Amino acid sequence: MRRLIVALSVAAALCVSVQANAQSQDEEIALTEKAKDLVSRSLKDPSSAQFRDVYLMPKPKGGKCVCGWVNSKNSFGGYVGFRRFISDGTADLTTMDEDSPLFGALVPFNELWAAFCKK
């Protein structure tokens, strides 16, 4: 009987752990999709967006940001080549490979990439 109680306790703990992990994965997927949507909206042709090497990184003060590469078409219909992007899922903190006005000053994109997207 004691073994059964222990086994049920372990099974219950595993179920809670699996459920929390699944919820965390759902939140990460939602954040990634939100970031892709925000990046796409800033492009000349949002429907042409192609993403690669998209991954999540922890932010220094909590939360996560999405880093990756995006390619899209320009006004002439040609693809411009892959550019890096960073997003925390908000329009204010979504930017692509160019100088980014953050915190009232121009912060070079390379500094942002080094701070947030270093694997």
PDB file of N, CA and C in Angstrom:
ATOM      1  N   MET A   1       0.825  -1.196   0.000  1.00  0.00           N
ATOM      2  CA  MET A   1       0.000   0.000   0.000  1.00  0.00           C
ATOM      3  C   MET A   1       0.871   1.262   0.000  1.00  0.00           C
ATOM      4  N   ARG A   2       1.933   1.213   0.803  1.00  0.00           N
ATOM      5  CA  ARG A   2       2.829   2.376   0.879  1.00  0.00           C
ATOM      6  C   ARG A   2       3.472   2.665  -0.477  1.00  0.00           C
ATOM      7  N   ARG A   3       3.863   1.602  -1.187  1.00  0.00           N
ATOM      8  CA  ARG A   3       4.470   1.770  -2.513  1.00  0.00           C
ATOM      9  C   ARG A   3       3.469   2.408  -3.486  1.00  0.00           C
ATOM     10  N   LEU A   4       2.229   2.009  -3.382  1.00  0.00           N
ATOM     11  CA  LEU A   4       1.194   2.562  -4.237  1.00  0.00           C
ATOM     12  C   LEU A   4       1.028   4.060  -3.987  1.00  0.00           C
ATOM     13  N   ILE A   5       1.037   4.469  -2.734  1.00  0.00           N
ATOM     14  CA  ILE A   5       0.903   5.883  -2.385  1.00  0.00           C
ATOM     15  C   ILE A   5       2.095   6.677  -2.918  1.00  0.00           C
ATOM     16  N   VAL A   6       3.288   6.128  -2.736  1.00  0.00           N
ATOM     17  CA  VAL A   6       4.493   6.788  -3.243  1.00  0.00           C
ATOM     18  C   VAL A   6       4.430   6.890  -4.774  1.00  0.00           C
ATOM     19  N   ALA A   7       4.033   5.797  -5.423  1.00  0.00           N
ATOM     20  CA  ALA A   7       3.945   5.796  -6.885  1.00  0.00           C
ATOM     21  C   ALA A   7       2.924   6.820  -7.372  1.00  0.00           C
ATOM     22  N   LEU A   8       1.775   6.916  -6.692  1.00  0.00           N
ATOM     23  CA  LEU A   8       0.764   7.896  -7.069  1.00  0.00           C
ATOM     24  C   LEU A   8       1.252   9.314  -6.840  1.00  0.00           C
ATOM     25  N   SER A   9       1.997   9.542  -5.771  1.00  0.00           N
ATOM     26  CA  SER A   9       2.558  10.869  -5.496  1.00  0.00           C
ATOM     27  C   SER A   9       3.546  11.277  -6.576  1.00  0.00           C
ATOM     28  N   VAL A  10       4.398  10.340  -6.952  1.00  0.00           N
ATOM     29  CA  VAL A  10       5.379  10.614  -8.009  1.00  0.00           C
ATOM     30  C   VAL A  10       4.666  10.894  -9.327  1.00  0.00           C
ATOM     31  N   ALA A  11       3.654  10.096  -9.647  1.00  0.00           N
ATOM     32  CA  ALA A  11       2.901  10.286 -10.886  1.00  0.00           C
ATOM     33  C   ALA A  11       2.214  11.651 -10.890  1.00  0.00           C
ATOM     34  N   ALA A  12       1.635  12.048  -9.765  1.00  0.00           N
ATOM     35  CA  ALA A  12       0.975  13.352  -9.675  1.00  0.00           C
ATOM     36  C   ALA A  12       1.982  14.477  -9.872  1.00  0.00           C
ATOM     37  N   ALA A  13       3.161  14.358  -9.263  1.00  0.00           N
ATOM     38  CA  ALA A  13       4.205  15.376  -9.408  1.00  0.00           C
ATOM     39  C   ALA A  13       4.660  15.468 -10.865  1.00  0.00           C
ATOM     40  N   LEU A  14       4.801  14.321 -11.520  1.00  0.00           N
ATOM     41  CA  LEU A  14       5.208  14.312 -12.928  1.00  0.00           C
ATOM     42  C   LEU A  14       4.145  14.965 -13.809  1.00  0.00           C
ATOM     43  N   CYS A  15       2.875  14.718 -13.511  1.00  0.00           N
ATOM     44  CA  CYS A  15       1.788  15.322 -14.291  1.00  0.00           C
ATOM     45  C   CYS A  15       1.815  16.846 -14.160  1.00  0.00           C
ATOM     46  N   VAL A  16       2.034  17.349 -12.939  1.00  0.00           N
ATOM     47  CA  VAL A  16       2.107  18.789 -12.726  1.00  0.00           C
ATOM     48  C   VAL A  16       3.292  19.364 -13.490  1.00  0.00           C
ATOM     49  N   SER A  17       4.434  18.659 -13.445  1.00  0.00           N
ATOM     50  CA  SER A  17       5.631  19.111 -14.139  1.00  0.00           C
ATOM     51  C   SER A  17       5.410  19.133 -15.648  1.00  0.00           C
ATOM     52  N   VAL A  18       4.798  18.092 -16.189  1.00  0.00           N
ATOM     53  CA  VAL A  18       4.529  18.013 -17.626  1.00  0.00           C
ATOM     54  C   VAL A  18       3.551  19.108 -18.041  1.00  0.00           C
ATOM     55  N   GLN A  19       2.530  19.354 -17.215  1.00  0.00           N
ATOM     56  CA  GLN A  19       1.549  20.394 -17.521  1.00  0.00           C
ATOM     57  C   GLN A  19       2.206  21.772 -17.518  1.00  0.00           C
ATOM     58  N   ALA A  20       3.055  22.051 -16.529  1.00  0.00           N
ATOM     59  CA  ALA A  20       3.754  23.337 -16.466  1.00  0.00           C
ATOM     60  C   ALA A  20       4.678  23.503 -17.666  1.00  0.00           C
ATOM     61  N   ASN A  21       5.349  22.415 -18.055  1.00  0.00           N
ATOM     62  CA  ASN A  21       6.247  22.464 -19.204  1.00  0.00           C
ATOM     63  C   ASN A  21       5.461  22.717 -20.493  1.00  0.00           C
ATOM     64  N   ALA A  22       4.308  22.081 -20.629  1.00  0.00           N
ATOM     65  CA  ALA A  22       3.479  22.284 -21.815  1.00  0.00           C
ATOM     66  C   ALA A  22       2.975  23.726 -21.872  1.00  0.00           C
ATOM     67  N   GLN A  23       2.597  24.278 -20.720  1.00  0.00           N
ATOM     68  CA  GLN A  23       2.133  25.666 -20.676  1.00  0.00           C
ATOM     69  C   GLN A  23       3.268  26.605 -21.054  1.00  0.00           C
ATOM     70  N   SER A  24       4.462  26.325 -20.559  1.00  0.00           N
ATOM     71  CA  SER A  24       5.633  27.143 -20.884  1.00  0.00           C
ATOM     72  C   SER A  24       5.922  27.084 -22.385  1.00  0.00           C
ATOM     73  N   GLN A  25       5.829  25.889 -22.972  1.00  0.00           N
ATOM     74  CA  GLN A  25       6.060  25.748 -24.408  1.00  0.00           C
ATOM     75  C   GLN A  25       5.005  26.509 -25.207  1.00  0.00           C
ATOM     76  N   ASP A  26       3.741  26.461 -24.757  1.00  0.00           N
ATOM     77  CA  ASP A  26       2.682  27.203 -25.436  1.00  0.00           C
ATOM     78  C   ASP A  26       2.954  28.702 -25.387  1.00  0.00           C
ATOM     79  N   GLU A  27       3.427  29.194 -24.243  1.00  0.00           N
ATOM     80  CA  GLU A  27       3.744  30.616 -24.108  1.00  0.00           C
ATOM     81  C   GLU A  27       4.903  30.998 -25.018  1.00  0.00           C
ATOM     82  N   GLU A  28       5.903  30.124 -25.129  1.00  0.00           N
ATOM     83  CA  GLU A  28       7.044  30.402 -26.001  1.00  0.00           C
ATOM     84  C   GLU A  28       6.626  30.418 -27.470  1.00  0.00           C
ATOM     85  N   ILE A  29       5.745  29.499 -27.848  1.00  0.00           N
ATOM     86  CA  ILE A  29       5.243  29.472 -29.229  1.00  0.00           C
ATOM     87  C   ILE A  29       4.452  30.746 -29.515  1.00  0.00           C
ATOM     88  N   ALA A  30       3.608  31.144 -28.567  1.00  0.00           N
ATOM     89  CA  ALA A  30       2.808  32.363 -28.747  1.00  0.00           C
ATOM     90  C   ALA A  30       3.705  33.596 -28.869  1.00  0.00           C
ATOM     91  N   LEU A  31       4.750  33.671 -28.040  1.00  0.00           N
ATOM     92  CA  LEU A  31       5.680  34.798 -28.108  1.00  0.00           C
ATOM     93  C   LEU A  31       6.403  34.821 -29.450  1.00  0.00           C
ATOM     94  N   THR A  32       6.831  33.665 -29.916  1.00  0.00           N
ATOM     95  CA  THR A  32       7.524  33.574 -31.201  1.00  0.00           C
ATOM     96  C   THR A  32       6.606  34.014 -32.345  1.00  0.00           C
ATOM     97  N   GLU A  33       5.372  33.555 -32.331  1.00  0.00           N
ATOM     98  CA  GLU A  33       4.428  33.938 -33.387  1.00  0.00           C
ATOM     99  C   GLU A  33       4.113  35.430 -33.336  1.00  0.00           C
ATOM    100  N   LYS A  34       3.968  35.984 -32.142  1.00  0.00           N
ATOM    101  CA  LYS A  34       3.714  37.428 -31.991  1.00  0.00           C
ATOM    102  C   LYS A  34       4.894  38.224 -32.551  1.00  0.00           C
ATOM    103  N   ALA A  35       6.119  37.785 -32.220  1.00  0.00           N
ATOM    104  CA  ALA A  35       7.317  38.470 -32.711  1.00  0.00           C
ATOM    105  C   ALA A  35       7.381  38.418 -34.240  1.00  0.00           C
ATOM    106  N   LYS A  36       7.116  37.257 -34.823  1.00  0.00           N
ATOM    107  CA  LYS A  36       7.131  37.130 -36.278  1.00  0.00           C
ATOM    108  C   LYS A  36       6.086  38.049 -36.912  1.00  0.00           C
ATOM    109  N   ASP A  37       4.905  38.130 -36.294  1.00  0.00           N
ATOM    110  CA  ASP A  37       3.854  38.995 -36.810  1.00  0.00           C
ATOM    111  C   ASP A  37       4.284  40.462 -36.773  1.00  0.00           C
ATOM    112  N   LEU A  38       4.883  40.882 -35.660  1.00  0.00           N
ATOM    113  CA  LEU A  38       5.344  42.274 -35.547  1.00  0.00           C
ATOM    114  C   LEU A  38       6.431  42.595 -36.568  1.00  0.00           C
ATOM    115  N   VAL A  39       7.366  41.671 -36.750  1.00  0.00           N
ATOM    116  CA  VAL A  39       8.436  41.878 -37.733  1.00  0.00           C
ATOM    117  C   VAL A  39       7.833  41.942 -39.136  1.00  0.00           C
ATOM    118  N   SER A  40       6.932  41.024 -39.449  1.00  0.00           N
ATOM    119  CA  SER A  40       6.304  40.997 -40.774  1.00  0.00           C
ATOM    120  C   SER A  40       5.592  42.303 -41.083  1.00  0.00           C
ATOM    121  N   ARG A  41       4.879  42.834 -40.097  1.00  0.00           N
ATOM    122  CA  ARG A  41       4.119  44.074 -40.311  1.00  0.00           C
ATOM    123  C   ARG A  41       5.014  45.260 -40.649  1.00  0.00           C
ATOM    124  N   SER A  42       6.280  45.205 -40.248  1.00  0.00           N
ATOM    125  CA  SER A  42       7.182  46.330 -40.518  1.00  0.00           C
ATOM    126  C   SER A  42       7.850  46.220 -41.885  1.00  0.00           C
ATOM    127  N   LEU A  43       7.574  45.153 -42.608  1.00  0.00           N
ATOM    128  CA  LEU A  43       8.198  44.932 -43.914  1.00  0.00           C
ATOM    129  C   LEU A  43       7.379  45.550 -45.036  1.00  0.00           C
ATOM    130  N   LYS A  44       8.024  45.797 -46.157  1.00  0.00           N
ATOM    131  CA  LYS A  44       7.360  46.350 -47.340  1.00  0.00           C
ATOM    132  C   LYS A  44       6.277  45.392 -47.842  1.00  0.00           C
ATOM    133  N   ASP A  45       6.578  44.094 -47.857  1.00  0.00           N
ATOM    134  CA  ASP A  45       5.635  43.065 -48.300  1.00  0.00           C
ATOM    135  C   ASP A  45       5.532  42.006 -47.207  1.00  0.00           C
ATOM    136  N   PRO A  46       4.662  42.213 -46.204  1.00  0.00           N
ATOM    137  CA  PRO A  46       4.577  41.299 -45.060  1.00  0.00           C
ATOM    138  C   PRO A  46       4.313  39.843 -45.443  1.00  0.00           C
ATOM    139  N   SER A  47       3.548  39.616 -46.492  1.00  0.00           N
ATOM    140  CA  SER A  47       3.212  38.234 -46.870  1.00  0.00           C
ATOM    141  C   SER A  47       4.406  37.477 -47.444  1.00  0.00           C
ATOM    142  N   SER A  48       5.465  38.177 -47.801  1.00  0.00           N
ATOM    143  CA  SER A  48       6.631  37.511 -48.387  1.00  0.00           C
ATOM    144  C   SER A  48       7.674  37.118 -47.323  1.00  0.00           C
ATOM    145  N   ALA A  49       7.401  37.415 -46.064  1.00  0.00           N
ATOM    146  CA  ALA A  49       8.390  37.166 -45.000  1.00  0.00           C
ATOM    147  C   ALA A  49       8.779  35.691 -44.908  1.00  0.00           C
ATOM    148  N   GLN A  50      10.073  35.457 -44.888  1.00  0.00           N
ATOM    149  CA  GLN A  50      10.645  34.122 -44.696  1.00  0.00           C
ATOM    150  C   GLN A  50      11.528  34.200 -43.457  1.00  0.00           C
ATOM    151  N   PHE A  51      11.297  33.319 -42.492  1.00  0.00           N
ATOM    152  CA  PHE A  51      12.061  33.328 -41.253  1.00  0.00           C
ATOM    153  C   PHE A  51      12.967  32.112 -41.183  1.00  0.00           C
ATOM    154  N   ARG A  52      14.132  32.312 -40.553  1.00  0.00           N
ATOM    155  CA  ARG A  52      15.036  31.180 -40.309  1.00  0.00           C
ATOM    156  C   ARG A  52      15.789  31.433 -39.005  1.00  0.00           C
ATOM    157  N   ASP A  53      16.282  30.364 -38.428  1.00  0.00           N
ATOM    158  CA  ASP A  53      17.097  30.418 -37.211  1.00  0.00           C
ATOM    159  C   ASP A  53      16.438  31.281 -36.124  1.00  0.00           C
ATOM    160  N   VAL A  54      15.158  31.054 -35.882  1.00  0.00           N
ATOM    161  CA  VAL A  54      14.426  31.809 -34.864  1.00  0.00           C
ATOM    162  C   VAL A  54      14.555  31.069 -33.539  1.00  0.00           C
ATOM    163  N   TYR A  55      14.952  31.793 -32.489  1.00  0.00           N
ATOM    164  CA  TYR A  55      15.125  31.165 -31.178  1.00  0.00           C
ATOM    165  C   TYR A  55      14.827  32.161 -30.067  1.00  0.00           C
ATOM    166  N   LEU A  56      14.577  31.628 -28.877  1.00  0.00           N
ATOM    167  CA  LEU A  56      14.282  32.440 -27.698  1.00  0.00           C
ATOM    168  C   LEU A  56      15.505  32.548 -26.817  1.00  0.00           C
ATOM    169  N   MET A  57      15.677  33.715 -26.221  1.00  0.00           N
ATOM    170  CA  MET A  57      16.760  33.942 -25.267  1.00  0.00           C
ATOM    171  C   MET A  57      16.192  34.655 -24.044  1.00  0.00           C
ATOM    172  N   PRO A  58      16.714  34.345 -22.864  1.00  0.00           N
ATOM    173  CA  PRO A  58      16.249  35.065 -21.670  1.00  0.00           C
ATOM    174  C   PRO A  58      16.748  36.504 -21.674  1.00  0.00           C
ATOM    175  N   LYS A  59      15.894  37.421 -21.194  1.00  0.00           N
ATOM    176  CA  LYS A  59      16.307  38.815 -21.038  1.00  0.00           C
ATOM    177  C   LYS A  59      16.957  38.962 -19.669  1.00  0.00           C
ATOM    178  N   PRO A  60      17.911  39.866 -19.532  1.00  0.00           N
ATOM    179  CA  PRO A  60      18.623  40.023 -18.260  1.00  0.00           C
ATOM    180  C   PRO A  60      17.713  40.270 -17.055  1.00  0.00           C
ATOM    181  N   LYS A  61      16.613  40.983 -17.248  1.00  0.00           N
ATOM    182  CA  LYS A  61      15.732  41.304 -16.112  1.00  0.00           C
ATOM    183  C   LYS A  61      14.449  40.482 -16.118  1.00  0.00           C
ATOM    184  N   GLY A  62      14.489  39.320 -16.716  1.00  0.00           N
ATOM    185  CA  GLY A  62      13.321  38.447 -16.748  1.00  0.00           C
ATOM    186  C   GLY A  62      12.602  38.497 -18.079  1.00  0.00           C
ATOM    187  N   GLY A  63      11.859  37.461 -18.358  1.00  0.00           N
ATOM    188  CA  GLY A  63      11.162  37.357 -19.625  1.00  0.00           C
ATOM    189  C   GLY A  63      12.081  36.812 -20.709  1.00  0.00           C
ATOM    190  N   LYS A  64      11.577  36.788 -21.916  1.00  0.00           N
ATOM    191  CA  LYS A  64      12.359  36.260 -23.041  1.00  0.00           C
ATOM    192  C   LYS A  64      12.221  37.179 -24.231  1.00  0.00           C
ATOM    193  N   CYS A  65      13.189  37.081 -25.126  1.00  0.00           N
ATOM    194  CA  CYS A  65      13.093  37.796 -26.394  1.00  0.00           C
ATOM    195  C   CYS A  65      13.322  36.792 -27.523  1.00  0.00           C
ATOM    196  N   VAL A  66      12.819  37.143 -28.679  1.00  0.00           N
ATOM    197  CA  VAL A  66      12.928  36.293 -29.858  1.00  0.00           C
ATOM    198  C   VAL A  66      13.983  36.897 -30.772  1.00  0.00           C
ATOM    199  N   CYS A  67      14.911  36.068 -31.200  1.00  0.00           N
ATOM    200  CA  CYS A  67      15.978  36.483 -32.110  1.00  0.00           C
ATOM    201  C   CYS A  67      15.885  35.623 -33.371  1.00  0.00           C
ATOM    202  N   GLY A  68      16.286  36.177 -34.496  1.00  0.00           N
ATOM    203  CA  GLY A  68      16.279  35.377 -35.708  1.00  0.00           C
ATOM    204  C   GLY A  68      16.617  36.200 -36.939  1.00  0.00           C
ATOM    205  N   TRP A  69      16.328  35.624 -38.075  1.00  0.00           N
ATOM    206  CA  TRP A  69      16.622  36.221 -39.370  1.00  0.00           C
ATOM    207  C   TRP A  69      15.346  36.253 -40.209  1.00  0.00           C
ATOM    208  N   VAL A  70      15.145  37.329 -40.973  1.00  0.00           N
ATOM    209  CA  VAL A  70      13.979  37.452 -41.834  1.00  0.00           C
ATOM    210  C   VAL A  70      14.402  37.961 -43.211  1.00  0.00           C
ATOM    211  N   ASN A  71      13.751  37.444 -44.234  1.00  0.00           N
ATOM    212  CA  ASN A  71      13.956  37.877 -45.612  1.00  0.00           C
ATOM    213  C   ASN A  71      12.588  38.262 -46.167  1.00  0.00           C
ATOM    214  N   SER A  72      12.543  39.252 -47.022  1.00  0.00           N
ATOM    215  CA  SER A  72      11.271  39.664 -47.614  1.00  0.00           C
ATOM    216  C   SER A  72      11.519  40.380 -48.940  1.00  0.00           C
ATOM    217  N   LYS A  73      10.431  40.631 -49.635  1.00  0.00           N
ATOM    218  CA  LYS A  73      10.530  41.312 -50.923  1.00  0.00           C
ATOM    219  C   LYS A  73      10.527  42.826 -50.735  1.00  0.00           C
ATOM    220  N   ASN A  74      11.229  43.506 -51.650  1.00  0.00           N
ATOM    221  CA  ASN A  74      11.234  44.975 -51.654  1.00  0.00           C
ATOM    222  C   ASN A  74      10.158  45.489 -52.610  1.00  0.00           C
ATOM    223  N   SER A  75      10.163  46.774 -52.866  1.00  0.00           N
ATOM    224  CA  SER A  75       9.151  47.391 -53.741  1.00  0.00           C
ATOM    225  C   SER A  75       9.185  46.859 -55.176  1.00  0.00           C
ATOM    226  N   PHE A  76      10.336  46.352 -55.606  1.00  0.00           N
ATOM    227  CA  PHE A  76      10.482  45.834 -56.964  1.00  0.00           C
ATOM    228  C   PHE A  76      10.135  44.360 -57.072  1.00  0.00           C
ATOM    229  N   GLY A  77       9.787  43.719 -55.945  1.00  0.00           N
ATOM    230  CA  GLY A  77       9.405  42.313 -55.948  1.00  0.00           C
ATOM    231  C   GLY A  77      10.553  41.347 -55.769  1.00  0.00           C
ATOM    232  N   GLY A  78      11.756  41.864 -55.524  1.00  0.00           N
ATOM    233  CA  GLY A  78      12.908  40.993 -55.315  1.00  0.00           C
ATOM    234  C   GLY A  78      13.206  40.830 -53.828  1.00  0.00           C
ATOM    235  N   TYR A  79      13.699  39.668 -53.470  1.00  0.00           N
ATOM    236  CA  TYR A  79      14.075  39.442 -52.067  1.00  0.00           C
ATOM    237  C   TYR A  79      15.333  40.237 -51.743  1.00  0.00           C
ATOM    238  N   VAL A  80      15.381  40.818 -50.546  1.00  0.00           N
ATOM    239  CA  VAL A  80      16.480  41.704 -50.165  1.00  0.00           C
ATOM    240  C   VAL A  80      17.602  40.982 -49.431  1.00  0.00           C
ATOM    241  N   GLY A  81      17.378  39.760 -49.008  1.00  0.00           N
ATOM    242  CA  GLY A  81      18.376  39.016 -48.242  1.00  0.00           C
ATOM    243  C   GLY A  81      18.007  38.985 -46.757  1.00  0.00           C
ATOM    244  N   PHE A  82      18.520  38.001 -46.072  1.00  0.00           N
ATOM    245  CA  PHE A  82      18.164  37.831 -44.662  1.00  0.00           C
ATOM    246  C   PHE A  82      18.798  38.906 -43.790  1.00  0.00           C
ATOM    247  N   ARG A  83      17.972  39.462 -42.890  1.00  0.00           N
ATOM    248  CA  ARG A  83      18.418  40.452 -41.900  1.00  0.00           C
ATOM    249  C   ARG A  83      18.054  39.952 -40.510  1.00  0.00           C
ATOM    250  N   ARG A  84      18.868  40.303 -39.540  1.00  0.00           N
ATOM    251  CA  ARG A  84      18.596  39.897 -38.164  1.00  0.00           C
ATOM    252  C   ARG A  84      17.450  40.721 -37.583  1.00  0.00           C
ATOM    253  N   PHE A  85      16.739  40.122 -36.626  1.00  0.00           N
ATOM    254  CA  PHE A  85      15.711  40.855 -35.893  1.00  0.00           C
ATOM    255  C   PHE A  85      15.715  40.425 -34.429  1.00  0.00           C
ATOM    256  N   ILE A  86      15.188  41.297 -33.589  1.00  0.00           N
ATOM    257  CA  ILE A  86      15.017  41.040 -32.157  1.00  0.00           C
ATOM    258  C   ILE A  86      13.630  41.543 -31.786  1.00  0.00           C
ATOM    259  N   SER A  87      12.918  40.772 -30.960  1.00  0.00           N
ATOM    260  CA  SER A  87      11.599  41.212 -30.496  1.00  0.00           C
ATOM    261  C   SER A  87      11.300  40.587 -29.137  1.00  0.00           C
ATOM    262  N   ASP A  88      10.651  41.372 -28.285  1.00  0.00           N
ATOM    263  CA  ASP A  88      10.165  40.801 -27.020  1.00  0.00           C
ATOM    264  C   ASP A  88       8.646  40.632 -27.085  1.00  0.00           C
ATOM    265  N   GLY A  89       8.085  40.726 -28.279  1.00  0.00           N
ATOM    266  CA  GLY A  89       6.658  40.543 -28.455  1.00  0.00           C
ATOM    267  C   GLY A  89       5.858  41.834 -28.362  1.00  0.00           C
ATOM    268  N   THR A  90       6.559  42.967 -28.252  1.00  0.00           N
ATOM    269  CA  THR A  90       5.885  44.259 -28.249  1.00  0.00           C
ATOM    270  C   THR A  90       6.413  45.099 -29.406  1.00  0.00           C
ATOM    271  N   ALA A  91       5.576  45.996 -29.905  1.00  0.00           N
ATOM    272  CA  ALA A  91       5.985  46.840 -31.029  1.00  0.00           C
ATOM    273  C   ALA A  91       7.138  47.764 -30.644  1.00  0.00           C
ATOM    274  N   ASP A  92       7.164  48.211 -29.390  1.00  0.00           N
ATOM    275  CA  ASP A  92       8.218  49.127 -28.946  1.00  0.00           C
ATOM    276  C   ASP A  92       9.595  48.478 -28.940  1.00  0.00           C
ATOM    277  N   LEU A  93       9.650  47.184 -28.700  1.00  0.00           N
ATOM    278  CA  LEU A  93      10.940  46.502 -28.629  1.00  0.00           C
ATOM    279  C   LEU A  93      11.068  45.423 -29.698  1.00  0.00           C
ATOM    280  N   THR A  94      10.675  45.775 -30.899  1.00  0.00           N
ATOM    281  CA  THR A  94      10.866  44.908 -32.059  1.00  0.00           C
ATOM    282  C   THR A  94      11.658  45.715 -33.072  1.00  0.00           C
ATOM    283  N   THR A  95      12.803  45.190 -33.491  1.00  0.00           N
ATOM    284  CA  THR A  95      13.664  45.935 -34.405  1.00  0.00           C
ATOM    285  C   THR A  95      14.430  44.981 -35.308  1.00  0.00           C
ATOM    286  N   MET A  96      14.877  45.522 -36.441  1.00  0.00           N
ATOM    287  CA  MET A  96      15.683  44.745 -37.369  1.00  0.00           C
ATOM    288  C   MET A  96      17.082  45.336 -37.488  1.00  0.00           C
ATOM    289  N   ASP A  97      17.901  44.703 -38.262  1.00  0.00           N
ATOM    290  CA  ASP A  97      19.318  45.003 -38.375  1.00  0.00           C
ATOM    291  C   ASP A  97      19.563  46.420 -38.895  1.00  0.00           C
ATOM    292  N   GLU A  98      19.447  47.370 -38.011  1.00  0.00           N
ATOM    293  CA  GLU A  98      19.725  48.775 -38.298  1.00  0.00           C
ATOM    294  C   GLU A  98      19.752  49.484 -36.948  1.00  0.00           C
ATOM    295  N   ASP A  99      20.196  50.720 -36.890  1.00  0.00           N
ATOM    296  CA  ASP A  99      20.199  51.440 -35.616  1.00  0.00           C
ATOM    297  C   ASP A  99      18.778  51.546 -35.092  1.00  0.00           C
ATOM    298  N   SER A 100      18.637  51.347 -33.797  1.00  0.00           N
ATOM    299  CA  SER A 100      17.322  51.269 -33.188  1.00  0.00           C
ATOM    300  C   SER A 100      17.143  52.332 -32.123  1.00  0.00           C
ATOM    301  N   PRO A 101      16.124  53.173 -32.233  1.00  0.00           N
ATOM    302  CA  PRO A 101      15.886  54.162 -31.182  1.00  0.00           C
ATOM    303  C   PRO A 101      15.236  53.520 -29.963  1.00  0.00           C
ATOM    304  N   LEU A 102      16.023  53.226 -28.961  1.00  0.00           N
ATOM    305  CA  LEU A 102      15.522  52.645 -27.719  1.00  0.00           C
ATOM    306  C   LEU A 102      15.990  53.483 -26.547  1.00  0.00           C
ATOM    307  N   PHE A 103      15.140  53.617 -25.561  1.00  0.00           N
ATOM    308  CA  PHE A 103      15.472  54.315 -24.326  1.00  0.00           C
ATOM    309  C   PHE A 103      15.931  55.743 -24.585  1.00  0.00           C
ATOM    310  N   GLY A 104      15.344  56.390 -25.591  1.00  0.00           N
ATOM    311  CA  GLY A 104      15.640  57.785 -25.859  1.00  0.00           C
ATOM    312  C   GLY A 104      16.975  58.034 -26.537  1.00  0.00           C
ATOM    313  N   ALA A 105      17.684  57.012 -26.947  1.00  0.00           N
ATOM    314  CA  ALA A 105      18.985  57.191 -27.602  1.00  0.00           C
ATOM    315  C   ALA A 105      19.108  56.170 -28.734  1.00  0.00           C
ATOM    316  N   LEU A 106      20.009  56.429 -29.639  1.00  0.00           N
ATOM    317  CA  LEU A 106      20.252  55.451 -30.692  1.00  0.00           C
ATOM    318  C   LEU A 106      21.195  54.377 -30.169  1.00  0.00           C
ATOM    319  N   VAL A 107      20.723  53.156 -30.199  1.00  0.00           N
ATOM    320  CA  VAL A 107      21.533  52.017 -29.771  1.00  0.00           C
ATOM    321  C   VAL A 107      21.829  51.196 -31.019  1.00  0.00           C
ATOM    322  N   PRO A 108      23.086  51.034 -31.376  1.00  0.00           N
ATOM    323  CA  PRO A 108      23.406  50.244 -32.564  1.00  0.00           C
ATOM    324  C   PRO A 108      22.868  48.817 -32.441  1.00  0.00           C
ATOM    325  N   PHE A 109      22.322  48.326 -33.532  1.00  0.00           N
ATOM    326  CA  PHE A 109      21.720  46.993 -33.529  1.00  0.00           C
ATOM    327  C   PHE A 109      22.710  45.933 -33.062  1.00  0.00           C
ATOM    328  N   ASN A 110      23.963  46.045 -33.481  1.00  0.00           N
ATOM    329  CA  ASN A 110      24.961  45.035 -33.087  1.00  0.00           C
ATOM    330  C   ASN A 110      25.091  44.929 -31.574  1.00  0.00           C
ATOM    331  N   GLU A 111      24.960  46.054 -30.862  1.00  0.00           N
ATOM    332  CA  GLU A 111      25.017  46.015 -29.400  1.00  0.00           C
ATOM    333  C   GLU A 111      23.797  45.294 -28.835  1.00  0.00           C
ATOM    334  N   LEU A 112      22.635  45.564 -29.407  1.00  0.00           N
ATOM    335  CA  LEU A 112      21.423  44.858 -28.969  1.00  0.00           C
ATOM    336  C   LEU A 112      21.543  43.360 -29.213  1.00  0.00           C
ATOM    337  N   TRP A 113      22.032  42.997 -30.394  1.00  0.00           N
ATOM    338  CA  TRP A 113      22.184  41.592 -30.756  1.00  0.00           C
ATOM    339  C   TRP A 113      23.154  40.920 -29.775  1.00  0.00           C
ATOM    340  N   ALA A 114      24.252  41.569 -29.498  1.00  0.00           N
ATOM    341  CA  ALA A 114      25.242  40.996 -28.570  1.00  0.00           C
ATOM    342  C   ALA A 114      24.670  40.851 -27.163  1.00  0.00           C
ATOM    343  N   ALA A 115      23.842  41.799 -26.752  1.00  0.00           N
ATOM    344  CA  ALA A 115      23.276  41.755 -25.404  1.00  0.00           C
ATOM    345  C   ALA A 115      22.167  40.733 -25.250  1.00  0.00           C
ATOM    346  N   PHE A 116      21.318  40.588 -26.270  1.00  0.00           N
ATOM    347  CA  PHE A 116      20.141  39.763 -26.124  1.00  0.00           C
ATOM    348  C   PHE A 116      20.184  38.426 -26.864  1.00  0.00           C
ATOM    349  N   CYS A 117      20.965  38.313 -27.906  1.00  0.00           N
ATOM    350  CA  CYS A 117      20.862  37.144 -28.771  1.00  0.00           C
ATOM    351  C   CYS A 117      22.098  36.253 -28.790  1.00  0.00           C
ATOM    352  N   LYS A 118      23.006  36.474 -27.884  1.00  0.00           N
ATOM    353  CA  LYS A 118      24.203  35.648 -27.830  1.00  0.00           C
ATOM    354  C   LYS A 118      23.838  34.256 -27.339  1.00  0.00           C
ATOM    355  N   LYS A 119      24.155  33.247 -28.124  1.00  0.00           N
ATOM    356  CA  LYS A 119      23.867  31.854 -27.720  1.00  0.00           C
ATOM    357  C   LYS A 119      24.970  31.308 -26.864  1.00  0.00           C
TER     358      LYS A 119
END
